[in-house]
Amino acid sequence: MVVIIPAGPRALAGLHEAAYSLTGREREVVNFVARGYSTRQISAAQFISKSTVQNHFSPIFEKVGIRSRRELVKRLFLDSMMLHG
């Protein structure tokens, strides 16, 4: 038997990340943002400075075509959910 179910938001987010050609570190930052981490929390978790975390946002936003963290979460996760809702 084969059961087909819609992909969840996390799986779809991975596809979106690949489609936008995000680097490994950019994908990590995106995943932390999706979990609600602040810049300080991402910095501590990745052992990088807060300014380095901030520096990762510029190319992420440019690649995805957005201007804020809120738009990032919406684009990568909520839009995916709406496709299957």
C-alpha atoms as a PDB file:
ATOM      1  CA  MET A   1       0.000   0.000   0.000  1.00  0.00           C
ATOM      2  CA  VAL A   2       1.203   3.504  -0.800  1.00  0.00           C
ATOM      3  CA  VAL A   3      -0.138   6.425   1.162  1.00  0.00           C
ATOM      4  CA  ILE A   4       0.389   9.920  -0.158  1.00  0.00           C
ATOM      5  CA  ILE A   5       0.061  12.836   2.215  1.00  0.00           C
ATOM      6  CA  PRO A   6       0.872  16.513   1.710  1.00  0.00           C
ATOM      7  CA  ALA A   7       4.351  17.564   2.749  1.00  0.00           C
ATOM      8  CA  GLY A   8       4.485  19.478   5.996  1.00  0.00           C
ATOM      9  CA  PRO A   9       5.721  23.060   6.285  1.00  0.00           C
ATOM     10  CA  ARG A  10       9.242  22.012   7.357  1.00  0.00           C
ATOM     11  CA  ALA A  11       9.724  19.778   4.329  1.00  0.00           C
ATOM     12  CA  LEU A  12       8.376  22.455   2.019  1.00  0.00           C
ATOM     13  CA  ALA A  13      10.609  25.045   3.673  1.00  0.00           C
ATOM     14  CA  GLY A  14      13.604  22.924   2.734  1.00  0.00           C
ATOM     15  CA  LEU A  15      12.461  22.919  -0.877  1.00  0.00           C
ATOM     16  CA  HIS A  16      12.003  26.678  -0.817  1.00  0.00           C
ATOM     17  CA  GLU A  17      15.458  27.124   0.708  1.00  0.00           C
ATOM     18  CA  ALA A  18      16.993  25.072  -2.098  1.00  0.00           C
ATOM     19  CA  ALA A  19      15.002  26.981  -4.707  1.00  0.00           C
ATOM     20  CA  TYR A  20      16.387  30.273  -3.407  1.00  0.00           C
ATOM     21  CA  SER A  21      19.983  28.935  -3.460  1.00  0.00           C
ATOM     22  CA  LEU A  22      20.629  29.680   0.192  1.00  0.00           C
ATOM     23  CA  THR A  23      24.020  28.682   1.540  1.00  0.00           C
ATOM     24  CA  GLY A  24      24.317  26.199   4.386  1.00  0.00           C
ATOM     25  CA  ARG A  25      24.786  28.963   6.961  1.00  0.00           C
ATOM     26  CA  GLU A  26      21.869  30.931   5.504  1.00  0.00           C
ATOM     27  CA  ARG A  27      19.654  27.839   5.798  1.00  0.00           C
ATOM     28  CA  GLU A  28      20.717  27.467   9.439  1.00  0.00           C
ATOM     29  CA  VAL A  29      19.842  31.098  10.149  1.00  0.00           C
ATOM     30  CA  VAL A  30      16.472  30.686   8.406  1.00  0.00           C
ATOM     31  CA  ASN A  31      15.694  27.614  10.491  1.00  0.00           C
ATOM     32  CA  PHE A  32      16.520  29.484  13.714  1.00  0.00           C
ATOM     33  CA  VAL A  33      14.287  32.380  12.639  1.00  0.00           C
ATOM     34  CA  ALA A  34      11.482  29.928  11.893  1.00  0.00           C
ATOM     35  CA  ARG A  35      11.781  28.612  15.449  1.00  0.00           C
ATOM     36  CA  GLY A  36      11.485  32.151  16.812  1.00  0.00           C
ATOM     37  CA  TYR A  37      15.117  32.685  17.840  1.00  0.00           C
ATOM     38  CA  SER A  38      16.314  36.258  18.342  1.00  0.00           C
ATOM     39  CA  THR A  39      19.559  37.528  16.840  1.00  0.00           C
ATOM     40  CA  ARG A  40      21.210  37.070  20.242  1.00  0.00           C
ATOM     41  CA  GLN A  41      19.971  33.467  20.505  1.00  0.00           C
ATOM     42  CA  ILE A  42      21.148  32.632  16.968  1.00  0.00           C
ATOM     43  CA  SER A  43      24.507  34.211  17.777  1.00  0.00           C
ATOM     44  CA  ALA A  44      24.910  32.081  20.905  1.00  0.00           C
ATOM     45  CA  ALA A  45      23.743  28.878  19.210  1.00  0.00           C
ATOM     46  CA  GLN A  46      26.076  29.317  16.221  1.00  0.00           C
ATOM     47  CA  PHE A  47      29.040  30.782  18.166  1.00  0.00           C
ATOM     48  CA  ILE A  48      29.121  33.848  15.920  1.00  0.00           C
ATOM     49  CA  SER A  49      28.703  37.536  16.697  1.00  0.00           C
ATOM     50  CA  LYS A  50      25.340  39.283  16.525  1.00  0.00           C
ATOM     51  CA  SER A  51      26.658  41.461  13.697  1.00  0.00           C
ATOM     52  CA  THR A  52      27.593  38.323  11.727  1.00  0.00           C
ATOM     53  CA  VAL A  53      24.058  37.016  12.206  1.00  0.00           C
ATOM     54  CA  GLN A  54      22.707  40.343  10.955  1.00  0.00           C
ATOM     55  CA  ASN A  55      25.078  40.183   7.971  1.00  0.00           C
ATOM     56  CA  HIS A  56      23.505  36.864   6.931  1.00  0.00           C
ATOM     57  CA  PHE A  57      20.063  38.475   6.644  1.00  0.00           C
ATOM     58  CA  SER A  58      20.911  40.820   3.786  1.00  0.00           C
ATOM     59  CA  PRO A  59      21.683  38.091   1.201  1.00  0.00           C
ATOM     60  CA  ILE A  60      18.828  35.921   2.521  1.00  0.00           C
ATOM     61  CA  PHE A  61      16.343  38.767   2.108  1.00  0.00           C
ATOM     62  CA  GLU A  62      17.722  39.601  -1.333  1.00  0.00           C
ATOM     63  CA  LYS A  63      17.568  35.988  -2.568  1.00  0.00           C
ATOM     64  CA  VAL A  64      14.051  35.459  -1.259  1.00  0.00           C
ATOM     65  CA  GLY A  65      12.830  38.882  -2.381  1.00  0.00           C
ATOM     66  CA  ILE A  66      11.670  40.156   0.995  1.00  0.00           C
ATOM     67  CA  ARG A  67      12.669  42.830   3.553  1.00  0.00           C
ATOM     68  CA  SER A  68      11.999  41.451   7.034  1.00  0.00           C
ATOM     69  CA  ARG A  69      12.074  38.361   9.215  1.00  0.00           C
ATOM     70  CA  ARG A  70       8.296  38.351   9.304  1.00  0.00           C
ATOM     71  CA  GLU A  71       8.139  38.257   5.513  1.00  0.00           C
ATOM     72  CA  LEU A  72      10.765  35.500   5.526  1.00  0.00           C
ATOM     73  CA  VAL A  73       8.710  33.254   7.777  1.00  0.00           C
ATOM     74  CA  LYS A  74       5.587  34.005   5.771  1.00  0.00           C
ATOM     75  CA  ARG A  75       7.274  33.292   2.442  1.00  0.00           C
ATOM     76  CA  LEU A  76       8.989  30.057   3.443  1.00  0.00           C
ATOM     77  CA  PHE A  77       6.417  28.550   5.770  1.00  0.00           C
ATOM     78  CA  LEU A  78       2.969  30.100   5.726  1.00  0.00           C
ATOM     79  CA  ASP A  79       2.736  30.314   1.931  1.00  0.00           C
ATOM     80  CA  SER A  80       3.548  26.604   1.810  1.00  0.00           C
ATOM     81  CA  MET A  81       0.758  25.828   4.250  1.00  0.00           C
ATOM     82  CA  MET A  82      -1.733  27.861   2.209  1.00  0.00           C
ATOM     83  CA  LEU A  83      -0.925  25.834  -0.895  1.00  0.00           C
ATOM     84  CA  HIS A  84      -2.180  22.725   0.881  1.00  0.00           C
ATOM     85  CA  GLY A  85      -4.928  24.302   3.002  1.00  0.00           C
END
